[in-house]
């Protein structure tokens, strides 16, 4: 059974601004989350982002939540890793 993946508006805008090569890698990772959102370089976040997961795609981070009962993935944030990524 497939998972439903949705991006919040700000994540869609961020994805559109990413350079084409990196955008392709991130889009492939997002497509893969429809099969299994728990694969890849994942880490549970703490603090302000408690309850979220992050997936690392090179220098980029996808921050998302998973609803196991509804089988949905909500991507809240896509950003290049830097000093302010996790605030």
PDB file of N, CA and C in Angstrom:
ATOM      1  N   UNK A   1       0.843  -1.182   0.000  1.00  0.00           N
ATOM      2  CA  UNK A   1       0.000   0.000   0.000  1.00  0.00           C
ATOM      3  C   UNK A   1       0.884   1.240   0.000  1.00  0.00           C
ATOM      4  N   UNK A   2       0.595   2.164  -0.864  1.00  0.00           N
ATOM      5  CA  UNK A   2       1.420   3.370  -1.018  1.00  0.00           C
ATOM      6  C   UNK A   2       1.084   4.423   0.038  1.00  0.00           C
ATOM      7  N   UNK A   3       2.042   5.281   0.261  1.00  0.00           N
ATOM      8  CA  UNK A   3       1.879   6.412   1.168  1.00  0.00           C
ATOM      9  C   UNK A   3       1.525   7.646   0.346  1.00  0.00           C
ATOM     10  N   UNK A   4       0.761   8.549   0.944  1.00  0.00           N
ATOM     11  CA  UNK A   4       0.441   9.821   0.306  1.00  0.00           C
ATOM     12  C   UNK A   4       1.432  10.857   0.814  1.00  0.00           C
ATOM     13  N   UNK A   5       2.100  11.534  -0.100  1.00  0.00           N
ATOM     14  CA  UNK A   5       3.090  12.552   0.265  1.00  0.00           C
ATOM     15  C   UNK A   5       2.550  13.910  -0.149  1.00  0.00           C
ATOM     16  N   UNK A   6       2.547  14.855   0.792  1.00  0.00           N
ATOM     17  CA  UNK A   6       2.082  16.212   0.512  1.00  0.00           C
ATOM     18  C   UNK A   6       3.133  17.211   0.981  1.00  0.00           C
ATOM     19  N   UNK A   7       3.252  18.300   0.258  1.00  0.00           N
ATOM     20  CA  UNK A   7       4.167  19.379   0.629  1.00  0.00           C
ATOM     21  C   UNK A   7       3.350  20.597   1.017  1.00  0.00           C
ATOM     22  N   UNK A   8       3.719  21.233   2.122  1.00  0.00           N
ATOM     23  CA  UNK A   8       3.074  22.494   2.465  1.00  0.00           C
ATOM     24  C   UNK A   8       3.527  23.543   1.444  1.00  0.00           C
ATOM     25  N   UNK A   9       2.821  24.621   1.371  1.00  0.00           N
ATOM     26  CA  UNK A   9       3.087  25.642   0.354  1.00  0.00           C
ATOM     27  C   UNK A   9       4.532  26.148   0.388  1.00  0.00           C
ATOM     28  N   UNK A  10       5.044  26.408   1.580  1.00  0.00           N
ATOM     29  CA  UNK A  10       6.416  26.923   1.678  1.00  0.00           C
ATOM     30  C   UNK A  10       7.440  25.885   1.201  1.00  0.00           C
ATOM     31  N   UNK A  11       7.168  24.606   1.413  1.00  0.00           N
ATOM     32  CA  UNK A  11       8.076  23.564   0.932  1.00  0.00           C
ATOM     33  C   UNK A  11       8.037  23.480  -0.594  1.00  0.00           C
ATOM     34  N   UNK A  12       6.844  23.633  -1.191  1.00  0.00           N
ATOM     35  CA  UNK A  12       6.744  23.647  -2.659  1.00  0.00           C
ATOM     36  C   UNK A  12       7.508  24.823  -3.245  1.00  0.00           C
ATOM     37  N   UNK A  13       7.391  25.986  -2.617  1.00  0.00           N
ATOM     38  CA  UNK A  13       8.121  27.177  -3.089  1.00  0.00           C
ATOM     39  C   UNK A  13       9.626  26.970  -2.967  1.00  0.00           C
ATOM     40  N   UNK A  14      10.057  26.414  -1.846  1.00  0.00           N
ATOM     41  CA  UNK A  14      11.490  26.167  -1.641  1.00  0.00           C
ATOM     42  C   UNK A  14      12.016  25.192  -2.685  1.00  0.00           C
ATOM     43  N   UNK A  15      11.252  24.154  -2.985  1.00  0.00           N
ATOM     44  CA  UNK A  15      11.662  23.168  -3.971  1.00  0.00           C
ATOM     45  C   UNK A  15      11.809  23.801  -5.356  1.00  0.00           C
ATOM     46  N   UNK A  16      10.933  24.715  -5.682  1.00  0.00           N
ATOM     47  CA  UNK A  16      10.993  25.380  -6.990  1.00  0.00           C
ATOM     48  C   UNK A  16      12.236  26.254  -7.134  1.00  0.00           C
ATOM     49  N   UNK A  17      12.793  26.736  -6.039  1.00  0.00           N
ATOM     50  CA  UNK A  17      13.954  27.628  -6.079  1.00  0.00           C
ATOM     51  C   UNK A  17      15.293  26.892  -6.032  1.00  0.00           C
ATOM     52  N   UNK A  18      15.262  25.597  -5.802  1.00  0.00           N
ATOM     53  CA  UNK A  18      16.484  24.809  -5.694  1.00  0.00           C
ATOM     54  C   UNK A  18      17.064  24.583  -7.089  1.00  0.00           C
ATOM     55  N   UNK A  19      18.395  24.618  -7.239  1.00  0.00           N
ATOM     56  CA  UNK A  19      19.014  24.353  -8.546  1.00  0.00           C
ATOM     57  C   UNK A  19      18.544  23.012  -9.126  1.00  0.00           C
ATOM     58  N   UNK A  20      18.446  22.950 -10.444  1.00  0.00           N
ATOM     59  CA  UNK A  20      17.844  21.811 -11.144  1.00  0.00           C
ATOM     60  C   UNK A  20      18.450  20.464 -10.757  1.00  0.00           C
ATOM     61  N   UNK A  21      19.765  20.376 -10.677  1.00  0.00           N
ATOM     62  CA  UNK A  21      20.415  19.099 -10.350  1.00  0.00           C
ATOM     63  C   UNK A  21      19.997  18.616  -8.968  1.00  0.00           C
ATOM     64  N   UNK A  22      20.035  19.512  -7.999  1.00  0.00           N
ATOM     65  CA  UNK A  22      19.647  19.149  -6.636  1.00  0.00           C
ATOM     66  C   UNK A  22      18.145  18.896  -6.546  1.00  0.00           C
ATOM     67  N   UNK A  23      17.352  19.677  -7.274  1.00  0.00           N
ATOM     68  CA  UNK A  23      15.903  19.510  -7.257  1.00  0.00           C
ATOM     69  C   UNK A  23      15.529  18.107  -7.746  1.00  0.00           C
ATOM     70  N   UNK A  24      16.253  17.611  -8.742  1.00  0.00           N
ATOM     71  CA  UNK A  24      15.991  16.270  -9.263  1.00  0.00           C
ATOM     72  C   UNK A  24      16.255  15.217  -8.186  1.00  0.00           C
ATOM     73  N   UNK A  25      17.360  15.364  -7.461  1.00  0.00           N
ATOM     74  CA  UNK A  25      17.679  14.415  -6.383  1.00  0.00           C
ATOM     75  C   UNK A  25      16.620  14.451  -5.280  1.00  0.00           C
ATOM     76  N   UNK A  26      16.203  15.645  -4.916  1.00  0.00           N
ATOM     77  CA  UNK A  26      15.193  15.790  -3.864  1.00  0.00           C
ATOM     78  C   UNK A  26      13.856  15.237  -4.328  1.00  0.00           C
ATOM     79  N   UNK A  27      13.488  15.520  -5.578  1.00  0.00           N
ATOM     80  CA  UNK A  27      12.225  15.002  -6.117  1.00  0.00           C
ATOM     81  C   UNK A  27      12.231  13.476  -6.149  1.00  0.00           C
ATOM     82  N   UNK A  28      13.364  12.886  -6.498  1.00  0.00           N
ATOM     83  CA  UNK A  28      13.477  11.424  -6.486  1.00  0.00           C
ATOM     84  C   UNK A  28      13.304  10.876  -5.067  1.00  0.00           C
ATOM     85  N   UNK A  29      13.885  11.570  -4.091  1.00  0.00           N
ATOM     86  CA  UNK A  29      13.749  11.140  -2.697  1.00  0.00           C
ATOM     87  C   UNK A  29      12.293  11.253  -2.241  1.00  0.00           C
ATOM     88  N   UNK A  30      11.625  12.324  -2.631  1.00  0.00           N
ATOM     89  CA  UNK A  30      10.216  12.510  -2.269  1.00  0.00           C
ATOM     90  C   UNK A  30       9.364  11.426  -2.923  1.00  0.00           C
ATOM     91  N   UNK A  31       9.645  11.117  -4.183  1.00  0.00           N
ATOM     92  CA  UNK A  31       8.914  10.041  -4.863  1.00  0.00           C
ATOM     93  C   UNK A  31       9.128   8.705  -4.152  1.00  0.00           C
ATOM     94  N   UNK A  32      10.335   8.474  -3.674  1.00  0.00           N
ATOM     95  CA  UNK A  32      10.631   7.247  -2.947  1.00  0.00           C
ATOM     96  C   UNK A  32       9.904   7.153  -1.617  1.00  0.00           C
ATOM     97  N   UNK A  33       9.556   8.297  -1.048  1.00  0.00           N
ATOM     98  CA  UNK A  33       8.830   8.304   0.215  1.00  0.00           C
ATOM     99  C   UNK A  33       7.409   7.775   0.054  1.00  0.00           C
ATOM    100  N   UNK A  34       6.900   7.761  -1.182  1.00  0.00           N
ATOM    101  CA  UNK A  34       5.568   7.205  -1.426  1.00  0.00           C
ATOM    102  C   UNK A  34       5.560   5.692  -1.222  1.00  0.00           C
ATOM    103  N   UNK A  35       6.708   5.063  -1.401  1.00  0.00           N
ATOM    104  CA  UNK A  35       6.827   3.625  -1.187  1.00  0.00           C
ATOM    105  C   UNK A  35       7.140   3.326   0.275  1.00  0.00           C
ATOM    106  N   UNK A  36       8.152   4.017   0.819  1.00  0.00           N
ATOM    107  CA  UNK A  36       8.551   3.813   2.213  1.00  0.00           C
ATOM    108  C   UNK A  36       9.201   5.090   2.740  1.00  0.00           C
ATOM    109  N   UNK A  37       8.508   5.842   3.582  1.00  0.00           N
ATOM    110  CA  UNK A  37       9.073   7.092   4.090  1.00  0.00           C
ATOM    111  C   UNK A  37      10.162   6.898   5.139  1.00  0.00           C
ATOM    112  N   UNK A  38      10.404   5.663   5.546  1.00  0.00           N
ATOM    113  CA  UNK A  38      11.376   5.407   6.605  1.00  0.00           C
ATOM    114  C   UNK A  38      12.714   4.909   6.087  1.00  0.00           C
ATOM    115  N   UNK A  39      12.998   5.111   4.801  1.00  0.00           N
ATOM    116  CA  UNK A  39      14.289   4.726   4.244  1.00  0.00           C
ATOM    117  C   UNK A  39      15.166   5.960   4.069  1.00  0.00           C
ATOM    118  N   UNK A  40      16.437   5.726   3.869  1.00  0.00           N
ATOM    119  CA  UNK A  40      17.367   6.839   3.669  1.00  0.00           C
ATOM    120  C   UNK A  40      18.009   7.264   4.969  1.00  0.00           C
ATOM    121  N   UNK A  41      18.696   8.370   4.918  1.00  0.00           N
ATOM    122  CA  UNK A  41      19.399   8.911   6.082  1.00  0.00           C
ATOM    123  C   UNK A  41      18.410   9.716   6.908  1.00  0.00           C
ATOM    124  N   UNK A  42      17.740   9.060   7.851  1.00  0.00           N
ATOM    125  CA  UNK A  42      16.712   9.695   8.682  1.00  0.00           C
ATOM    126  C   UNK A  42      17.217   9.924  10.092  1.00  0.00           C
ATOM    127  N   UNK A  43      16.663  10.924  10.706  1.00  0.00           N
ATOM    128  CA  UNK A  43      16.956  11.189  12.109  1.00  0.00           C
ATOM    129  C   UNK A  43      15.720  11.855  12.718  1.00  0.00           C
ATOM    130  N   UNK A  44      15.349  11.416  13.895  1.00  0.00           N
ATOM    131  CA  UNK A  44      14.256  12.073  14.620  1.00  0.00           C
ATOM    132  C   UNK A  44      14.799  13.369  15.200  1.00  0.00           C
ATOM    133  N   UNK A  45      14.004  14.419  15.104  1.00  0.00           N
ATOM    134  CA  UNK A  45      14.436  15.717  15.612  1.00  0.00           C
ATOM    135  C   UNK A  45      13.896  15.933  17.014  1.00  0.00           C
ATOM    136  N   UNK A  46      14.559  16.808  17.741  1.00  0.00           N
ATOM    137  CA  UNK A  46      14.162  17.135  19.109  1.00  0.00           C
ATOM    138  C   UNK A  46      13.996  18.635  19.236  1.00  0.00           C
ATOM    139  N   UNK A  47      13.619  19.069  20.413  1.00  0.00           N
ATOM    140  CA  UNK A  47      13.481  20.494  20.674  1.00  0.00           C
ATOM    141  C   UNK A  47      12.296  21.082  19.932  1.00  0.00           C
ATOM    142  N   UNK A  48      12.515  22.189  19.264  1.00  0.00           N
ATOM    143  CA  UNK A  48      11.448  22.888  18.535  1.00  0.00           C
ATOM    144  C   UNK A  48      10.807  21.984  17.476  1.00  0.00           C
ATOM    145  N   UNK A  49      11.568  21.079  16.915  1.00  0.00           N
ATOM    146  CA  UNK A  49      11.098  20.187  15.852  1.00  0.00           C
ATOM    147  C   UNK A  49      10.702  18.813  16.381  1.00  0.00           C
ATOM    148  N   UNK A  50      10.432  18.694  17.666  1.00  0.00           N
ATOM    149  CA  UNK A  50      10.071  17.406  18.258  1.00  0.00           C
ATOM    150  C   UNK A  50       8.860  16.814  17.537  1.00  0.00           C
ATOM    151  N   UNK A  51       8.950  15.540  17.192  1.00  0.00           N
ATOM    152  CA  UNK A  51       7.876  14.874  16.467  1.00  0.00           C
ATOM    153  C   UNK A  51       8.092  14.848  14.962  1.00  0.00           C
ATOM    154  N   UNK A  52       9.097  15.559  14.485  1.00  0.00           N
ATOM    155  CA  UNK A  52       9.420  15.582  13.058  1.00  0.00           C
ATOM    156  C   UNK A  52      10.615  14.673  12.781  1.00  0.00           C
ATOM    157  N   UNK A  53      10.737  14.291  11.542  1.00  0.00           N
ATOM    158  CA  UNK A  53      11.902  13.547  11.068  1.00  0.00           C
ATOM    159  C   UNK A  53      12.617  14.413  10.050  1.00  0.00           C
ATOM    160  N   UNK A  54      13.904  14.160   9.869  1.00  0.00           N
ATOM    161  CA  UNK A  54      14.613  14.833   8.796  1.00  0.00           C
ATOM    162  C   UNK A  54      15.281  13.781   7.940  1.00  0.00           C
ATOM    163  N   UNK A  55      15.250  14.018   6.660  1.00  0.00           N
ATOM    164  CA  UNK A  55      15.934  13.138   5.709  1.00  0.00           C
ATOM    165  C   UNK A  55      16.997  13.946   5.014  1.00  0.00           C
ATOM    166  N   UNK A  56      18.194  13.411   4.993  1.00  0.00           N
ATOM    167  CA  UNK A  56      19.328  14.114   4.398  1.00  0.00           C
ATOM    168  C   UNK A  56      19.485  13.668   2.949  1.00  0.00           C
ATOM    169  N   UNK A  57      19.555  14.648   2.064  1.00  0.00           N
ATOM    170  CA  UNK A  57      19.825  14.427   0.645  1.00  0.00           C
ATOM    171  C   UNK A  57      21.008  15.331   0.311  1.00  0.00           C
ATOM    172  N   UNK A  58      22.220  14.822   0.455  1.00  0.00           N
ATOM    173  CA  UNK A  58      23.409  15.642   0.237  1.00  0.00           C
ATOM    174  C   UNK A  58      23.444  16.788   1.233  1.00  0.00           C
ATOM    175  N   UNK A  59      23.521  18.014   0.728  1.00  0.00           N
ATOM    176  CA  UNK A  59      23.526  19.202   1.588  1.00  0.00           C
ATOM    177  C   UNK A  59      22.123  19.668   1.948  1.00  0.00           C
ATOM    178  N   UNK A  60      21.116  19.003   1.449  1.00  0.00           N
ATOM    179  CA  UNK A  60      19.722  19.418   1.645  1.00  0.00           C
ATOM    180  C   UNK A  60      19.054  18.582   2.721  1.00  0.00           C
ATOM    181  N   UNK A  61      18.085  19.196   3.412  1.00  0.00           N
ATOM    182  CA  UNK A  61      17.321  18.512   4.447  1.00  0.00           C
ATOM    183  C   UNK A  61      15.833  18.631   4.128  1.00  0.00           C
ATOM    184  N   UNK A  62      15.151  17.496   4.236  1.00  0.00           N
ATOM    185  CA  UNK A  62      13.698  17.462   4.123  1.00  0.00           C
ATOM    186  C   UNK A  62      13.182  17.190   5.531  1.00  0.00           C
ATOM    187  N   UNK A  63      12.382  18.084   6.064  1.00  0.00           N
ATOM    188  CA  UNK A  63      11.826  17.919   7.402  1.00  0.00           C
ATOM    189  C   UNK A  63      10.345  17.609   7.229  1.00  0.00           C
ATOM    190  N   UNK A  64       9.911  16.502   7.851  1.00  0.00           N
ATOM    191  CA  UNK A  64       8.556  16.031   7.602  1.00  0.00           C
ATOM    192  C   UNK A  64       7.986  15.286   8.802  1.00  0.00           C
ATOM    193  N   UNK A  65       6.677  15.079   8.774  1.00  0.00           N
ATOM    194  CA  UNK A  65       5.992  14.261   9.764  1.00  0.00           C
ATOM    195  C   UNK A  65       5.326  13.095   9.047  1.00  0.00           C
ATOM    196  N   UNK A  66       5.074  12.044   9.796  1.00  0.00           N
ATOM    197  CA  UNK A  66       4.444  10.855   9.244  1.00  0.00           C
ATOM    198  C   UNK A  66       3.234  10.505  10.100  1.00  0.00           C
ATOM    199  N   UNK A  67       2.102  10.264   9.455  1.00  0.00           N
ATOM    200  CA  UNK A  67       0.909   9.767  10.131  1.00  0.00           C
ATOM    201  C   UNK A  67       0.749   8.307   9.703  1.00  0.00           C
ATOM    202  N   UNK A  68       1.127   7.389  10.581  1.00  0.00           N
ATOM    203  CA  UNK A  68       1.144   5.972  10.249  1.00  0.00           C
ATOM    204  C   UNK A  68      -0.272   5.442  10.019  1.00  0.00           C
ATOM    205  N   UNK A  69      -1.229   5.914  10.782  1.00  0.00           N
ATOM    206  CA  UNK A  69      -2.608   5.440  10.649  1.00  0.00           C
ATOM    207  C   UNK A  69      -3.198   5.846   9.296  1.00  0.00           C
ATOM    208  N   UNK A  70      -3.025   7.100   8.913  1.00  0.00           N
ATOM    209  CA  UNK A  70      -3.544   7.600   7.638  1.00  0.00           C
ATOM    210  C   UNK A  70      -2.610   7.307   6.468  1.00  0.00           C
ATOM    211  N   UNK A  71      -1.395   6.838   6.770  1.00  0.00           N
ATOM    212  CA  UNK A  71      -0.357   6.553   5.767  1.00  0.00           C
ATOM    213  C   UNK A  71      -0.065   7.802   4.924  1.00  0.00           C
ATOM    214  N   UNK A  72       0.159   8.911   5.617  1.00  0.00           N
ATOM    215  CA  UNK A  72       0.490  10.163   4.941  1.00  0.00           C
ATOM    216  C   UNK A  72       1.814  10.707   5.439  1.00  0.00           C
ATOM    217  N   UNK A  73       2.489  11.416   4.553  1.00  0.00           N
ATOM    218  CA  UNK A  73       3.737  12.103   4.870  1.00  0.00           C
ATOM    219  C   UNK A  73       3.505  13.570   4.536  1.00  0.00           C
ATOM    220  N   UNK A  74       3.767  14.449   5.493  1.00  0.00           N
ATOM    221  CA  UNK A  74       3.621  15.882   5.264  1.00  0.00           C
ATOM    222  C   UNK A  74       5.001  16.515   5.333  1.00  0.00           C
ATOM    223  N   UNK A  75       5.462  17.013   4.202  1.00  0.00           N
ATOM    224  CA  UNK A  75       6.770  17.665   4.141  1.00  0.00           C
ATOM    225  C   UNK A  75       6.570  19.128   4.506  1.00  0.00           C
ATOM    226  N   UNK A  76       7.194  19.523   5.604  1.00  0.00           N
ATOM    227  CA  UNK A  76       6.992  20.856   6.144  1.00  0.00           C
ATOM    228  C   UNK A  76       8.070  21.839   5.712  1.00  0.00           C
ATOM    229  N   UNK A  77       9.246  21.332   5.344  1.00  0.00           N
ATOM    230  CA  UNK A  77      10.381  22.232   5.201  1.00  0.00           C
ATOM    231  C   UNK A  77      11.436  21.578   4.331  1.00  0.00           C
ATOM    232  N   UNK A  78      11.984  22.301   3.388  1.00  0.00           N
ATOM    233  CA  UNK A  78      13.125  21.833   2.593  1.00  0.00           C
ATOM    234  C   UNK A  78      14.139  22.972   2.591  1.00  0.00           C
ATOM    235  N   UNK A  79      15.340  22.686   3.055  1.00  0.00           N
ATOM    236  CA  UNK A  79      16.349  23.740   3.122  1.00  0.00           C
ATOM    237  C   UNK A  79      17.750  23.155   3.025  1.00  0.00           C
ATOM    238  N   UNK A  80      18.654  23.965   2.516  1.00  0.00           N
ATOM    239  CA  UNK A  80      20.057  23.583   2.459  1.00  0.00           C
ATOM    240  C   UNK A  80      20.606  23.617   3.890  1.00  0.00           C
ATOM    241  N   UNK A  81      21.416  22.649   4.229  1.00  0.00           N
ATOM    242  CA  UNK A  81      21.968  22.570   5.573  1.00  0.00           C
ATOM    243  C   UNK A  81      22.895  23.743   5.826  1.00  0.00           C
ATOM    244  N   UNK A  82      22.645  24.452   6.899  1.00  0.00           N
ATOM    245  CA  UNK A  82      23.462  25.581   7.287  1.00  0.00           C
ATOM    246  C   UNK A  82      23.344  25.773   8.796  1.00  0.00           C
ATOM    247  N   UNK A  83      23.865  26.866   9.279  1.00  0.00           N
ATOM    248  CA  UNK A  83      23.857  27.105  10.719  1.00  0.00           C
ATOM    249  C   UNK A  83      22.469  27.405  11.255  1.00  0.00           C
ATOM    250  N   UNK A  84      21.540  27.824  10.392  1.00  0.00           N
ATOM    251  CA  UNK A  84      20.203  28.163  10.870  1.00  0.00           C
ATOM    252  C   UNK A  84      19.140  27.158  10.441  1.00  0.00           C
ATOM    253  N   UNK A  85      19.526  26.030   9.883  1.00  0.00           N
ATOM    254  CA  UNK A  85      18.555  25.077   9.373  1.00  0.00           C
ATOM    255  C   UNK A  85      17.589  24.612  10.456  1.00  0.00           C
ATOM    256  N   UNK A  86      18.089  24.264  11.618  1.00  0.00           N
ATOM    257  CA  UNK A  86      17.237  23.725  12.664  1.00  0.00           C
ATOM    258  C   UNK A  86      16.896  24.774  13.727  1.00  0.00           C
ATOM    259  N   UNK A  87      17.341  25.958  13.533  1.00  0.00           N
ATOM    260  CA  UNK A  87      17.111  27.093  14.436  1.00  0.00           C
ATOM    261  C   UNK A  87      17.207  26.671  15.853  1.00  0.00           C
TER     262      UNK A  87
END
